[in-house]
Amino acid sequence: MDTQTIKDHMPETYKAITDKAGKIGKEAYRFVRQGLAGQPNKFYAMERGWVVGTPFDLPGVMPDMAVFICQFGTKGWLMWAPEAQQLEQQQGGTDGAH
């Protein structure tokens, strides 16, 4: 999968990526490229049946995601590298609750 797949089939994911880039800059696109290239713990998303990026292998992350999806259902989700949240916090963009 590539970025064109995201643009063509995953409008909410594309919007989230551009929003993140507005908060942390070009690093957001680097995380997406790394996830699309197969690097875990950088970027992973699902929307309307399309899945892009690479699953996270941090302890407990994927089992926790599975539980949340089963409990609450979802039309899509997106996971960012932990560094993305750190960058956003440094720039005053989030408290981690978003």
Protein backbone atom coordinates (compact mmCIF):
# COMPACT_ATOMS: atom_id res chain seq x y z
CA MET A 1 0.00 0.00 0.00
CA ASP A 2 1.11 3.51 -0.63
CA THR A 3 0.06 7.06 0.08
CA GLN A 4 -2.18 7.08 -3.00
CA THR A 5 -4.28 4.33 -1.39
CA ILE A 6 -4.75 6.57 1.64
CA LYS A 7 -5.72 9.56 -0.52
CA ASP A 8 -8.10 7.51 -2.71
CA HIS A 9 -9.80 5.27 -0.16
CA MET A 10 -9.20 6.57 3.38
CA PRO A 11 -10.41 10.18 3.62
CA GLU A 12 -10.51 10.33 7.44
CA THR A 13 -7.03 8.84 7.69
CA TYR A 14 -5.74 11.33 5.13
CA LYS A 15 -7.32 14.17 7.10
CA ALA A 16 -5.75 12.88 10.34
CA ILE A 17 -2.34 12.75 8.67
CA THR A 18 -2.58 16.30 7.38
CA ASP A 19 -3.87 17.46 10.79
CA LYS A 20 -0.92 15.78 12.52
CA ALA A 21 1.48 17.37 10.03
CA GLY A 22 -0.03 20.73 10.91
CA LYS A 23 0.86 20.07 14.54
CA ILE A 24 4.27 18.41 14.30
CA GLY A 25 5.46 19.24 10.79
CA LYS A 26 7.02 16.94 8.22
CA GLU A 27 7.80 14.33 10.86
CA ALA A 28 4.20 13.13 10.48
CA TYR A 29 4.84 12.20 6.85
CA ARG A 30 8.09 10.48 7.85
CA PHE A 31 6.20 8.28 10.34
CA VAL A 32 3.65 7.39 7.63
CA ARG A 33 6.39 6.51 5.12
CA GLN A 34 8.19 4.37 7.72
CA GLY A 35 5.00 2.49 8.59
CA LEU A 36 4.15 1.96 4.93
CA ALA A 37 7.69 0.66 4.38
CA GLY A 38 7.23 -2.05 7.03
CA GLN A 39 8.72 -0.46 10.13
CA PRO A 40 6.65 -1.30 13.23
CA ASN A 41 5.66 1.31 15.83
CA LYS A 42 5.53 4.21 13.39
CA PHE A 43 2.12 4.28 11.64
CA TYR A 44 -0.78 1.86 11.32
CA ALA A 45 -4.33 2.65 10.21
CA MET A 46 -7.59 1.02 9.17
CA GLU A 47 -10.55 2.73 7.55
CA ARG A 48 -13.52 1.28 5.69
CA GLY A 49 -11.77 -2.09 5.31
CA TRP A 50 -8.47 -0.67 4.04
CA VAL A 51 -5.43 -1.34 6.23
CA VAL A 52 -2.13 0.48 5.77
CA GLY A 53 1.12 0.68 7.66
CA THR A 54 2.70 -1.88 9.96
CA PRO A 55 1.32 -3.30 13.22
CA PHE A 56 2.91 -2.12 16.44
CA ASP A 57 4.98 -4.65 18.39
CA LEU A 58 5.25 -2.70 21.63
CA PRO A 59 4.15 -4.87 24.58
CA GLY A 60 0.37 -4.99 24.94
CA VAL A 61 -0.47 -2.47 22.21
CA MET A 62 -2.10 -4.75 19.65
CA PRO A 63 -4.01 -6.89 22.20
CA ASP A 64 -5.32 -3.68 23.79
CA MET A 65 -6.40 -2.38 20.37
CA ALA A 66 -8.23 -5.64 19.67
CA VAL A 67 -10.12 -5.37 22.96
CA PHE A 68 -11.09 -1.74 22.31
CA ILE A 69 -12.28 -2.54 18.79
CA CYS A 70 -14.35 -5.49 20.00
CA GLN A 71 -15.81 -3.55 22.93
CA PHE A 72 -16.63 -0.31 21.20
CA GLY A 73 -16.57 -1.06 17.46
CA THR A 74 -14.99 1.29 14.99
CA LYS A 75 -15.19 2.55 11.44
CA GLY A 76 -11.47 3.16 11.53
CA TRP A 77 -8.46 3.80 13.70
CA LEU A 78 -5.00 5.23 13.39
CA MET A 79 -1.89 4.63 15.46
CA TRP A 80 1.05 7.02 15.57
CA ALA A 81 4.63 6.45 16.68
CA PRO A 82 5.09 7.33 20.35
CA GLU A 83 7.49 10.04 19.15
CA ALA A 84 4.56 11.77 17.39
CA GLN A 85 2.81 12.37 20.71
CA GLN A 86 6.06 13.55 22.28
CA LEU A 87 6.58 16.05 19.46
CA GLU A 88 3.02 17.29 19.79
CA GLN A 89 3.37 17.71 23.55
CA GLN A 90 6.60 19.66 23.07
CA GLN A 91 4.73 22.02 20.79
CA GLY A 92 1.81 22.33 23.22
CA GLY A 93 -0.64 20.46 21.02
CA THR A 94 -2.10 17.70 23.20
CA ASP A 95 -2.29 16.17 26.64
CA GLY A 96 -2.51 12.63 25.27
CA ALA A 97 -6.28 12.37 25.73
CA HIS A 98 -7.20 13.04 22.11
